[in-house]
N, C-alpha and C. Protein backbone atom coordinates (compact mmCIF):
# COMPACT_ATOMS: atom_id res chain seq x y z
N MET A 1 201.72 23.66 201.05
CA MET A 1 201.68 24.92 200.40
C MET A 1 200.75 25.38 199.54
N ASP A 2 199.82 26.54 199.37
CA ASP A 2 199.07 26.64 198.29
C ASP A 2 199.47 27.13 197.15
N ILE A 3 200.98 27.27 196.92
CA ILE A 3 201.60 27.87 195.83
C ILE A 3 201.45 26.83 194.77
N PHE A 4 201.31 25.43 195.00
CA PHE A 4 201.59 24.58 194.00
C PHE A 4 200.45 24.36 192.82
N PRO A 5 199.02 24.50 193.27
CA PRO A 5 198.38 24.60 191.76
C PRO A 5 198.46 25.64 191.04
N GLY A 6 198.39 26.89 191.72
CA GLY A 6 198.38 28.07 190.84
C GLY A 6 199.88 28.32 189.91
N SER A 7 200.99 27.96 190.66
CA SER A 7 202.06 27.73 189.88
C SER A 7 202.18 26.87 188.72
N TRP A 8 201.57 25.62 188.91
CA TRP A 8 201.48 24.64 187.87
C TRP A 8 200.81 25.18 186.72
N GLN A 9 199.42 25.55 187.01
CA GLN A 9 198.37 26.16 186.04
C GLN A 9 199.06 27.35 185.24
N ARG A 10 199.57 28.22 186.00
CA ARG A 10 199.93 29.38 185.25
C ARG A 10 201.38 28.85 184.28
N ALA A 11 202.05 28.05 184.78
CA ALA A 11 203.47 27.74 183.69
C ALA A 11 202.80 27.00 182.47
N TRP A 12 201.98 25.67 182.95
CA TRP A 12 201.32 25.09 182.16
C TRP A 12 200.69 25.88 180.78
N THR A 13 199.79 26.64 181.29
CA THR A 13 199.03 27.22 180.13
C THR A 13 199.75 28.37 179.40
N GLY A 14 200.85 28.95 180.14
CA GLY A 14 201.55 29.91 179.71
C GLY A 14 202.67 29.48 178.63
N ILE A 15 203.04 28.20 178.84
CA ILE A 15 204.07 27.50 177.69
C ILE A 15 203.44 27.12 176.56
N GLY A 16 202.06 27.06 176.48
CA GLY A 16 201.11 26.58 175.51
C GLY A 16 200.87 25.15 175.51
N ALA A 17 200.72 24.36 176.75
CA ALA A 17 200.60 23.07 176.77
C ALA A 17 199.16 22.89 176.61
N THR A 18 198.59 21.75 175.95
CA THR A 18 197.46 21.82 175.94
C THR A 18 196.69 20.78 177.20
N GLY A 19 195.37 21.18 177.43
CA GLY A 19 194.88 20.20 178.56
C GLY A 19 195.21 21.15 180.01
N GLU A 20 194.73 20.52 181.00
CA GLU A 20 194.85 20.89 182.31
C GLU A 20 196.45 20.26 183.08
N GLY A 21 196.86 19.34 182.31
CA GLY A 21 197.91 18.93 182.86
C GLY A 21 197.82 18.26 184.18
N GLY A 22 196.51 18.02 184.79
CA GLY A 22 196.12 17.40 185.84
C GLY A 22 196.88 16.27 186.39
N ALA A 23 196.97 15.26 185.36
CA ALA A 23 197.59 13.84 185.73
C ALA A 23 199.08 14.04 186.02
N LEU A 24 199.46 14.99 185.21
CA LEU A 24 201.13 15.26 185.19
C LEU A 24 201.48 16.08 186.60
N PHE A 25 200.46 16.82 186.78
CA PHE A 25 200.83 17.51 188.25
C PHE A 25 200.76 16.50 189.42
N ALA A 26 199.78 15.55 189.32
CA ALA A 26 199.91 14.47 190.43
C ALA A 26 200.79 13.91 190.40
N GLN A 27 201.49 13.29 189.47
CA GLN A 27 202.50 12.63 189.34
C GLN A 27 203.73 13.15 189.93
N LEU A 28 203.92 14.70 189.71
CA LEU A 28 205.21 15.18 190.11
C LEU A 28 204.95 15.81 191.63
N MET A 29 204.02 16.01 192.21
CA MET A 29 203.52 16.05 193.53
C MET A 29 203.93 14.64 194.39
N ALA A 30 203.42 13.51 193.62
CA ALA A 30 203.79 12.22 194.40
C ALA A 30 205.28 11.83 194.30
N ALA A 31 205.99 12.38 193.25
CA ALA A 31 207.31 12.04 193.13
C ALA A 31 208.15 12.83 194.40
N TYR A 32 207.66 14.13 194.40
CA TYR A 32 208.60 14.68 195.34
C TYR A 32 208.02 14.58 196.77
N ALA A 33 207.18 13.56 197.11
CA ALA A 33 206.64 13.03 198.31
C ALA A 33 207.18 11.68 198.49
N GLU A 34 207.88 11.20 197.75
CA GLU A 34 208.59 9.86 197.82
C GLU A 34 209.35 9.74 199.07
N PRO A 35 209.37 8.33 199.66
CA PRO A 35 209.84 8.33 201.27
C PRO A 35 211.41 8.21 201.27
N GLN A 36 211.93 7.94 200.12
CA GLN A 36 213.43 8.32 200.26
C GLN A 36 214.02 9.66 200.28
N ARG A 37 213.21 10.64 200.11
CA ARG A 37 213.36 12.23 200.05
C ARG A 37 213.31 12.62 201.51
N HIS A 38 214.52 13.53 201.79
CA HIS A 38 214.40 14.36 203.01
C HIS A 38 214.53 15.75 202.72
N TYR A 39 215.44 16.11 201.81
CA TYR A 39 215.47 17.37 201.53
C TYR A 39 214.73 17.90 200.04
N HIS A 40 215.13 16.82 199.09
CA HIS A 40 214.30 17.33 197.71
C HIS A 40 213.05 16.73 197.63
N THR A 41 212.34 17.64 198.47
CA THR A 41 210.86 17.12 198.80
C THR A 41 210.03 18.28 198.50
N LEU A 42 208.84 18.26 198.61
CA LEU A 42 207.88 19.31 198.41
C LEU A 42 208.07 20.62 199.23
N GLN A 43 208.95 20.52 200.39
CA GLN A 43 209.19 21.78 201.00
C GLN A 43 210.41 22.41 200.10
N HIS A 44 211.07 21.69 199.39
CA HIS A 44 212.44 22.31 198.43
C HIS A 44 211.68 22.88 197.38
N LEU A 45 210.64 22.04 196.74
CA LEU A 45 209.98 22.83 195.29
C LEU A 45 209.22 23.82 195.80
N GLY A 46 208.46 23.92 197.00
CA GLY A 46 207.94 25.06 197.36
C GLY A 46 208.78 26.27 197.92
N GLU A 47 209.78 25.96 198.31
CA GLU A 47 210.78 27.34 198.35
C GLU A 47 211.27 27.74 197.11
N CYS A 48 211.61 26.84 196.51
CA CYS A 48 211.90 27.22 194.94
C CYS A 48 210.97 28.25 194.27
N LEU A 49 209.64 27.67 194.34
CA LEU A 49 208.78 28.36 193.80
C LEU A 49 208.37 29.68 194.28
N LEU A 50 208.43 29.81 195.43
CA LEU A 50 208.23 31.02 196.28
C LEU A 50 209.46 32.14 195.79
N ALA A 51 210.81 31.65 195.76
CA ALA A 51 211.72 32.30 195.36
C ALA A 51 211.55 32.97 193.83
N PHE A 52 210.92 32.09 193.14
CA PHE A 52 210.75 32.45 191.70
C PHE A 52 209.50 33.52 191.66
N ASP A 53 208.82 33.27 192.53
CA ASP A 53 207.47 34.50 192.64
C ASP A 53 208.15 35.53 192.82
N ARG A 54 209.32 35.83 193.55
CA ARG A 54 209.93 36.99 193.96
C ARG A 54 210.55 37.62 192.97
N ALA A 55 211.40 36.82 192.07
CA ALA A 55 212.13 37.05 191.06
C ALA A 55 211.76 36.67 189.48
N HIS A 56 210.55 36.38 189.38
CA HIS A 56 210.14 35.93 188.17
C HIS A 56 209.83 37.10 186.97
N ALA A 57 210.10 38.30 187.36
CA ALA A 57 210.48 39.43 186.19
C ALA A 57 211.92 39.29 185.62
N LEU A 58 212.76 38.79 186.73
CA LEU A 58 214.13 38.58 185.86
C LEU A 58 214.31 37.56 184.73
N ALA A 59 213.36 36.82 184.57
CA ALA A 59 213.27 35.47 183.68
C ALA A 59 213.12 36.17 181.99
N ALA A 60 213.77 35.41 181.35
CA ALA A 60 213.38 35.64 179.78
C ALA A 60 212.45 35.02 179.18
N HIS A 61 212.19 33.89 179.71
CA HIS A 61 211.23 33.01 179.41
C HIS A 61 210.36 32.33 180.82
N THR A 62 209.71 33.01 181.22
CA THR A 62 209.27 32.88 182.54
C THR A 62 208.54 31.73 182.63
N HIS A 63 207.72 31.09 182.01
CA HIS A 63 206.98 29.67 182.15
C HIS A 63 207.99 28.79 181.92
N GLU A 64 208.88 28.74 181.01
CA GLU A 64 209.97 27.58 181.07
C GLU A 64 210.78 27.54 182.05
N VAL A 65 210.95 28.68 182.87
CA VAL A 65 211.78 28.35 184.05
C VAL A 65 211.03 28.12 185.25
N GLU A 66 209.84 28.34 185.34
CA GLU A 66 208.80 27.85 186.36
C GLU A 66 208.59 26.33 186.21
N LEU A 67 208.54 25.93 184.91
CA LEU A 67 208.39 24.45 184.62
C LEU A 67 209.73 23.73 184.95
N ALA A 68 210.64 24.36 184.58
CA ALA A 68 211.91 23.59 185.00
C ALA A 68 212.21 23.54 186.39
N LEU A 69 211.56 24.48 187.19
CA LEU A 69 211.73 24.21 188.61
C LEU A 69 210.85 22.99 189.02
N TRP A 70 209.56 22.80 188.47
CA TRP A 70 208.65 21.82 188.89
C TRP A 70 209.69 20.51 188.55
N PHE A 71 210.39 20.38 187.61
CA PHE A 71 210.86 19.05 187.10
C PHE A 71 212.37 18.88 187.52
N HIS A 72 212.89 20.05 188.14
CA HIS A 72 214.59 19.96 188.41
C HIS A 72 214.71 18.67 189.16
N ASP A 73 214.02 18.44 190.23
CA ASP A 73 214.32 17.02 190.83
C ASP A 73 213.17 16.07 190.76
N ALA A 74 212.46 16.04 189.78
CA ALA A 74 211.47 15.06 189.72
C ALA A 74 211.79 13.70 189.71
N ILE A 75 212.84 13.29 189.33
CA ILE A 75 213.76 11.93 189.41
C ILE A 75 214.59 12.05 190.62
N TYR A 76 214.43 11.50 191.62
CA TYR A 76 215.45 11.55 192.59
C TYR A 76 215.76 10.00 193.31
N ASP A 77 216.79 9.22 192.70
CA ASP A 77 217.09 8.02 192.95
C ASP A 77 218.43 8.47 193.78
N ILE A 78 218.29 8.03 195.17
CA ILE A 78 219.82 8.33 195.75
C ILE A 78 220.96 7.83 195.44
N LYS A 79 221.06 6.76 194.89
CA LYS A 79 222.50 6.24 194.36
C LYS A 79 222.64 6.25 193.06
N ALA A 80 221.67 6.83 192.17
CA ALA A 80 221.99 7.27 190.82
C ALA A 80 222.62 8.36 190.44
N HIS A 81 223.13 8.69 189.17
CA HIS A 81 223.97 9.69 189.11
C HIS A 81 223.33 10.37 187.52
N ASP A 82 222.25 9.93 187.32
CA ASP A 82 221.70 10.42 186.07
C ASP A 82 220.21 11.05 186.36
N ASN A 83 220.19 11.48 187.54
CA ASN A 83 218.60 12.14 188.08
C ASN A 83 218.20 13.39 187.10
N GLU A 84 219.38 14.20 186.88
CA GLU A 84 219.06 15.35 186.23
C GLU A 84 218.59 15.08 184.86
N GLN A 85 219.46 14.13 184.29
CA GLN A 85 219.14 13.73 182.93
C GLN A 85 217.68 13.09 182.82
N ARG A 86 217.37 12.04 183.52
CA ARG A 86 216.02 11.53 183.57
C ARG A 86 214.89 12.50 183.77
N SER A 87 215.34 13.35 184.70
CA SER A 87 214.30 14.53 184.96
C SER A 87 214.04 15.52 184.04
N ALA A 88 214.99 15.67 183.27
CA ALA A 88 215.24 16.80 182.02
C ALA A 88 214.45 16.09 180.72
N ASP A 89 214.73 14.70 180.80
CA ASP A 89 213.98 14.23 179.61
C ASP A 89 212.38 13.92 179.69
N TRP A 90 212.05 13.62 181.16
CA TRP A 90 210.60 13.57 181.50
C TRP A 90 210.07 15.06 181.15
N ALA A 91 210.63 15.94 181.32
CA ALA A 91 210.26 17.06 181.18
C ALA A 91 209.92 17.46 179.57
N ARG A 92 211.00 17.36 178.88
CA ARG A 92 210.92 17.63 177.33
C ARG A 92 209.97 16.65 176.92
N ASP A 93 209.76 15.55 177.00
CA ASP A 93 208.84 14.50 176.38
C ASP A 93 207.61 14.94 176.86
N ALA A 94 207.10 15.18 178.45
CA ALA A 94 205.75 15.52 178.66
C ALA A 94 205.31 16.93 177.93
N LEU A 95 206.16 17.87 177.76
CA LEU A 95 205.82 18.83 177.19
C LEU A 95 205.42 18.76 175.71
N ARG A 96 206.40 17.80 174.89
CA ARG A 96 206.10 17.91 173.46
C ARG A 96 204.95 17.05 173.22
N ASP A 97 204.63 16.19 174.46
CA ASP A 97 203.15 15.32 174.28
C ASP A 97 202.04 16.25 174.43
N ALA A 98 202.34 17.10 175.13
CA ALA A 98 201.21 18.29 175.30
C ALA A 98 201.18 19.45 174.57
N GLY A 99 201.78 19.31 173.38
CA GLY A 99 201.75 20.04 172.19
C GLY A 99 202.87 21.26 172.30
N VAL A 100 203.66 21.29 173.24
CA VAL A 100 204.48 22.47 173.45
C VAL A 100 205.75 22.63 172.25
N ALA A 101 205.88 23.59 171.80
CA ALA A 101 206.99 23.77 170.78
C ALA A 101 208.10 23.09 171.22
N ALA A 102 208.70 22.33 170.27
CA ALA A 102 210.15 21.63 170.40
C ALA A 102 211.19 22.70 170.98
N GLU A 103 211.35 23.88 170.52
CA GLU A 103 212.23 24.87 170.84
C GLU A 103 212.24 25.26 172.35
N ALA A 104 210.96 25.24 172.81
CA ALA A 104 210.70 25.62 174.32
C ALA A 104 210.91 24.36 175.14
N ALA A 105 210.45 23.36 174.70
CA ALA A 105 210.55 22.02 175.45
C ALA A 105 211.95 21.61 175.52
N GLN A 106 212.87 22.18 174.52
CA GLN A 106 214.24 21.90 174.57
C GLN A 106 214.68 22.73 175.55
N ARG A 107 214.38 23.94 175.61
CA ARG A 107 215.10 24.83 176.53
C ARG A 107 214.91 24.63 178.04
N VAL A 108 213.42 23.92 178.41
CA VAL A 108 213.36 23.51 179.62
C VAL A 108 214.31 22.26 180.09
N HIS A 109 214.46 21.42 179.08
CA HIS A 109 215.34 20.45 179.29
C HIS A 109 216.79 20.72 179.64
N ALA A 110 217.27 21.74 178.86
CA ALA A 110 218.59 22.55 179.19
C ALA A 110 218.70 23.03 180.52
N LEU A 111 217.62 23.83 180.84
CA LEU A 111 217.46 24.43 182.10
C LEU A 111 217.73 23.13 183.32
N VAL A 112 216.85 22.26 183.29
CA VAL A 112 216.99 21.08 184.22
C VAL A 112 218.04 20.57 184.33
N MET A 113 219.00 20.47 183.01
CA MET A 113 220.45 20.01 183.17
C MET A 113 221.26 20.92 183.75
N ALA A 114 221.09 22.10 183.86
CA ALA A 114 221.75 23.08 184.53
C ALA A 114 222.07 23.09 186.22
N THR A 115 220.90 22.34 186.71
CA THR A 115 220.94 22.12 187.99
C THR A 115 221.73 21.00 188.29
N ARG A 116 222.48 20.32 187.56
CA ARG A 116 223.58 19.47 187.92
C ARG A 116 224.76 20.04 188.89
N HIS A 117 224.90 21.39 188.36
CA HIS A 117 225.68 22.38 189.22
C HIS A 117 227.37 21.59 189.12
N THR A 118 227.56 21.24 187.95
CA THR A 118 228.75 20.95 187.42
C THR A 118 229.86 22.12 186.63
N ALA A 119 229.04 23.08 186.39
CA ALA A 119 229.83 24.13 185.92
C ALA A 119 228.96 25.40 186.39
N VAL A 120 229.66 26.75 186.23
CA VAL A 120 228.84 27.97 186.35
C VAL A 120 227.69 28.37 185.39
N PRO A 121 226.73 28.27 185.52
CA PRO A 121 225.65 28.60 184.36
C PRO A 121 226.08 29.72 183.72
N SER A 122 225.72 29.67 182.37
CA SER A 122 226.10 30.88 181.24
C SER A 122 224.65 31.62 180.92
N GLY A 123 223.59 30.92 180.44
CA GLY A 123 222.52 31.50 180.08
C GLY A 123 222.00 32.34 181.17
N HIS A 124 221.08 33.30 180.68
CA HIS A 124 220.19 34.09 181.72
C HIS A 124 219.32 33.62 182.40
N ASP A 125 218.35 32.58 181.71
CA ASP A 125 217.60 31.86 182.46
C ASP A 125 218.35 30.91 183.47
N GLU A 126 219.24 30.23 182.83
CA GLU A 126 219.96 29.03 183.53
C GLU A 126 220.56 29.81 184.68
N ARG A 127 221.21 30.95 185.02
CA ARG A 127 221.60 31.46 186.09
C ARG A 127 220.76 31.76 186.95
N LEU A 128 219.25 32.44 186.53
CA LEU A 128 218.29 32.52 187.59
C LEU A 128 217.75 31.26 188.18
N LEU A 129 217.80 30.10 187.47
CA LEU A 129 217.31 28.83 187.82
C LEU A 129 218.21 28.24 188.88
N VAL A 130 219.61 28.41 188.45
CA VAL A 130 220.38 27.90 189.49
C VAL A 130 220.49 28.70 190.74
N ASP A 131 220.44 29.84 190.65
CA ASP A 131 220.67 30.59 192.04
C ASP A 131 219.36 30.28 192.82
N ILE A 132 217.98 30.23 192.19
CA ILE A 132 216.95 29.53 193.00
C ILE A 132 217.13 28.31 193.53
N ASP A 133 217.71 27.47 192.85
CA ASP A 133 218.02 26.05 193.42
C ASP A 133 219.05 26.00 194.58
N LEU A 134 220.09 26.89 194.33
CA LEU A 134 221.12 27.19 195.24
C LEU A 134 220.59 28.34 196.46
N SER A 135 219.49 28.71 196.63
CA SER A 135 218.93 29.66 197.50
C SER A 135 219.01 29.10 198.83
N ILE A 136 219.30 27.98 199.08
CA ILE A 136 219.22 27.27 200.42
C ILE A 136 220.39 27.61 201.15
N LEU A 137 221.74 27.74 200.42
CA LEU A 137 222.82 27.77 200.88
C LEU A 137 222.97 29.25 201.67
N GLY A 138 222.06 30.31 201.18
CA GLY A 138 221.84 31.60 201.84
C GLY A 138 220.77 31.61 202.88
N ALA A 139 220.12 30.65 203.05
CA ALA A 139 219.08 30.49 204.05
C ALA A 139 219.61 30.92 205.46
N GLU A 140 218.44 31.43 206.43
CA GLU A 140 218.84 31.59 207.83
C GLU A 140 219.75 30.49 208.29
N ARG A 141 220.15 30.64 209.28
CA ARG A 141 220.98 29.52 209.75
C ARG A 141 219.98 28.37 210.30
N THR A 142 219.12 28.42 211.07
CA THR A 142 218.20 27.42 211.41
C THR A 142 217.69 26.61 210.13
N ARG A 143 217.42 27.07 209.15
CA ARG A 143 216.95 26.45 207.86
C ARG A 143 218.17 25.78 207.22
N PHE A 144 219.44 26.51 207.29
CA PHE A 144 220.25 26.02 206.40
C PHE A 144 220.76 24.60 207.33
N ASP A 145 220.89 24.82 208.57
CA ASP A 145 221.16 23.49 209.41
C ASP A 145 220.24 22.47 209.33
N GLU A 146 218.91 22.82 209.07
CA GLU A 146 217.93 21.74 209.01
C GLU A 146 218.04 21.08 207.56
N TYR A 147 218.41 21.76 206.53
CA TYR A 147 218.90 21.21 205.29
C TYR A 147 220.06 20.44 205.42
N GLU A 148 221.16 20.68 205.98
CA GLU A 148 222.29 19.91 206.15
C GLU A 148 222.05 18.52 206.85
N GLN A 149 220.93 18.43 207.74
CA GLN A 149 220.52 17.25 208.31
C GLN A 149 219.47 16.66 207.56
N GLN A 150 218.67 16.99 206.43
CA GLN A 150 218.04 16.58 205.58
C GLN A 150 219.01 15.77 204.39
N ILE A 151 219.93 16.57 204.19
CA ILE A 151 220.88 15.92 203.20
C ILE A 151 221.62 14.59 203.80
N ARG A 152 221.83 14.86 205.11
CA ARG A 152 222.52 13.50 205.68
C ARG A 152 221.70 12.29 205.74
N LYS A 153 220.37 12.58 206.17
CA LYS A 153 219.28 11.59 206.08
C LYS A 153 219.11 10.93 204.68
N GLU A 154 219.02 11.72 203.64
CA GLU A 154 219.17 11.11 202.28
C GLU A 154 220.45 10.17 201.99
N TYR A 155 221.58 10.47 202.57
CA TYR A 155 222.53 9.70 202.41
C TYR A 155 223.03 8.82 203.71
N ALA A 156 221.86 8.41 204.37
CA ALA A 156 222.13 7.69 205.56
C ALA A 156 223.19 6.34 205.35
N TYR A 157 222.84 5.89 204.16
CA TYR A 157 223.86 4.69 203.78
C TYR A 157 225.41 4.86 203.82
N VAL A 158 225.61 6.10 203.54
CA VAL A 158 227.16 6.34 203.63
C VAL A 158 227.66 6.46 204.86
N PRO A 159 228.83 5.98 205.39
CA PRO A 159 229.47 6.11 206.52
C PRO A 159 229.93 7.66 206.77
N GLY A 160 229.69 7.81 208.14
CA GLY A 160 229.92 9.38 208.43
C GLY A 160 231.06 9.82 208.10
N PHE A 161 232.27 9.16 208.18
CA PHE A 161 233.48 9.85 207.87
C PHE A 161 233.70 10.21 206.47
N LEU A 162 232.99 9.14 205.57
CA LEU A 162 232.99 9.69 204.16
C LEU A 162 232.10 10.24 203.75
N PHE A 163 231.16 10.60 204.09
CA PHE A 163 229.83 11.71 204.02
C PHE A 163 230.22 12.93 204.43
N ARG A 164 231.03 13.21 205.56
CA ARG A 164 231.47 14.46 205.92
C ARG A 164 232.81 14.86 204.91
N ARG A 165 233.69 13.93 204.43
CA ARG A 165 234.56 14.47 203.38
C ARG A 165 234.00 14.81 202.11
N LYS A 166 233.06 13.82 201.65
CA LYS A 166 232.39 14.39 200.34
C LYS A 166 231.60 15.77 200.40
N ARG A 167 230.88 15.62 201.25
CA ARG A 167 229.98 17.01 201.80
C ARG A 167 230.92 17.99 201.78
N ARG A 168 232.09 18.37 202.51
CA ARG A 168 232.97 19.22 202.46
C ARG A 168 233.37 19.58 200.98
N GLU A 169 233.68 18.63 200.38
CA GLU A 169 234.30 18.88 198.97
C GLU A 169 233.26 19.42 198.10
N ILE A 170 232.05 19.08 198.40
CA ILE A 170 230.98 19.78 197.58
C ILE A 170 230.87 21.22 197.76
N LEU A 171 230.64 21.33 199.06
CA LEU A 171 230.27 22.96 199.59
C LEU A 171 231.64 23.64 199.25
N LYS A 172 232.73 23.18 199.36
CA LYS A 172 234.00 23.89 199.12
C LYS A 172 234.06 24.37 197.84
N GLY A 173 233.48 23.43 196.91
CA GLY A 173 233.35 23.95 195.41
C GLY A 173 232.41 25.15 195.23
N PHE A 174 231.47 25.20 195.79
CA PHE A 174 230.75 26.44 195.92
C PHE A 174 231.42 27.60 196.46
N LEU A 175 232.18 27.53 197.40
CA LEU A 175 232.86 28.37 198.34
C LEU A 175 234.14 29.10 197.49
N ASP A 176 234.69 28.28 196.93
CA ASP A 176 235.73 28.72 195.92
C ASP A 176 235.33 29.41 194.75
N ARG A 177 234.24 29.44 194.41
CA ARG A 177 233.63 30.27 193.15
C ARG A 177 233.90 31.70 193.39
N PRO A 178 234.24 32.32 192.55
CA PRO A 178 234.43 33.83 192.93
C PRO A 178 233.13 34.26 193.11
N ALA A 179 231.83 33.79 192.81
CA ALA A 179 230.63 34.20 193.23
C ALA A 179 229.71 32.99 193.31
N ILE A 180 229.01 32.74 194.39
CA ILE A 180 228.17 31.50 194.42
C ILE A 180 226.83 31.83 193.61
N TYR A 181 226.21 33.16 193.63
CA TYR A 181 225.18 33.23 192.92
C TYR A 181 225.55 34.51 191.60
N SER A 182 225.06 34.01 190.34
CA SER A 182 225.12 34.51 189.24
C SER A 182 224.58 36.07 188.95
N THR A 183 223.21 36.11 189.53
CA THR A 183 222.52 37.04 189.17
C THR A 183 222.70 38.26 190.34
N PRO A 184 222.51 39.61 190.03
CA PRO A 184 222.79 40.35 190.74
C PRO A 184 221.84 40.53 192.07
N TYR A 185 220.37 40.00 191.59
CA TYR A 185 219.48 40.06 192.63
C TYR A 185 219.72 38.93 193.71
N PHE A 186 220.13 37.74 193.52
CA PHE A 186 220.32 36.77 194.59
C PHE A 186 221.69 37.17 195.13
N HIS A 187 222.62 37.48 194.44
CA HIS A 187 223.97 37.77 195.01
C HIS A 187 223.64 38.81 196.12
N ASP A 188 223.12 40.04 195.85
CA ASP A 188 222.97 41.06 196.76
C ASP A 188 222.05 40.35 198.15
N ALA A 189 221.33 39.59 197.81
CA ALA A 189 220.33 39.23 198.94
C ALA A 189 221.05 38.16 199.68
N LEU A 190 221.91 37.03 199.28
CA LEU A 190 222.18 35.81 199.81
C LEU A 190 223.78 35.65 199.81
N GLU A 191 224.43 36.15 199.11
CA GLU A 191 225.70 35.88 198.84
C GLU A 191 226.53 35.74 200.25
N ALA A 192 226.45 36.69 201.13
CA ALA A 192 227.40 36.80 202.12
C ALA A 192 226.68 35.87 203.30
N ARG A 193 225.46 35.74 203.38
CA ARG A 193 224.95 34.61 204.41
C ARG A 193 225.39 33.39 203.94
N ALA A 194 225.39 32.87 202.51
CA ALA A 194 225.65 31.88 201.90
C ALA A 194 227.21 31.32 202.32
N ARG A 195 228.13 32.48 202.26
CA ARG A 195 229.49 32.14 202.64
C ARG A 195 229.58 32.00 203.92
N ASP A 196 228.87 32.61 204.71
CA ASP A 196 228.89 32.35 206.30
C ASP A 196 228.54 31.02 206.74
N ASN A 197 227.59 30.56 206.07
CA ASN A 197 226.77 29.05 206.43
C ASN A 197 227.87 28.14 206.05
N LEU A 198 228.54 28.34 204.68
CA LEU A 198 229.44 27.43 204.16
C LEU A 198 230.98 27.22 204.89
N LEU A 199 231.36 28.23 205.36
CA LEU A 199 232.65 28.55 205.94
C LEU A 199 232.34 27.82 207.23
N ARG A 200 231.11 28.01 207.96
CA ARG A 200 230.92 27.27 209.17
C ARG A 200 231.07 25.86 209.03
N VAL A 201 230.21 25.11 208.10
CA VAL A 201 230.08 23.84 208.08
C VAL A 201 231.38 23.16 207.42
N THR A 202 232.36 23.66 206.46
CA THR A 202 233.27 23.21 206.15
C THR A 202 234.65 23.23 206.89
N THR A 203 234.59 24.25 207.86
CA THR A 203 235.72 24.32 208.76
C THR A 203 235.37 23.79 210.14
N ALA A 204 234.31 23.10 210.21
CA ALA A 204 233.89 22.63 211.56
C ALA A 204 234.73 21.41 211.86
């Protein structure tokens, strides 16, 4: 996707980072291309950035949200439980090293941490970021089914019966929420289709 260089430079410059950030950009692109990834890849990052392009006017801190998208799956160890923490720490430390204000770097850290999806997001930018990350749930059926297959490949080491049980629990958790999407923009666009997708796979 051609979106990557332009998105990176816009966010990097906009947040006040020094230099071009070329080495960090290359590290992130390489991270999303790691072989253990099947869903948390450059495809997913690109889809998030395209969704952000369409909704960027909704952000209170535009460049912080865009950089949080870049970092939200930067660390992805299939068997680890602290990927978001390590990704958030990487984002904050890299931004501070590049001269970004501590408050902005900490907000990016908090945004990345919101993608743990352990609670309904509360802050304005957190709601936007999480809705973008979850936009795959409201994708067209073909893309959603591909997503489910990609997640299964990432967890290929988990026995089928256990994977299916855990996966249903996770997806049902979203389905049980009063609303999957917190922003009116994404709720109007994707809520109905997301519920259709989730119902189909959790009741199969």
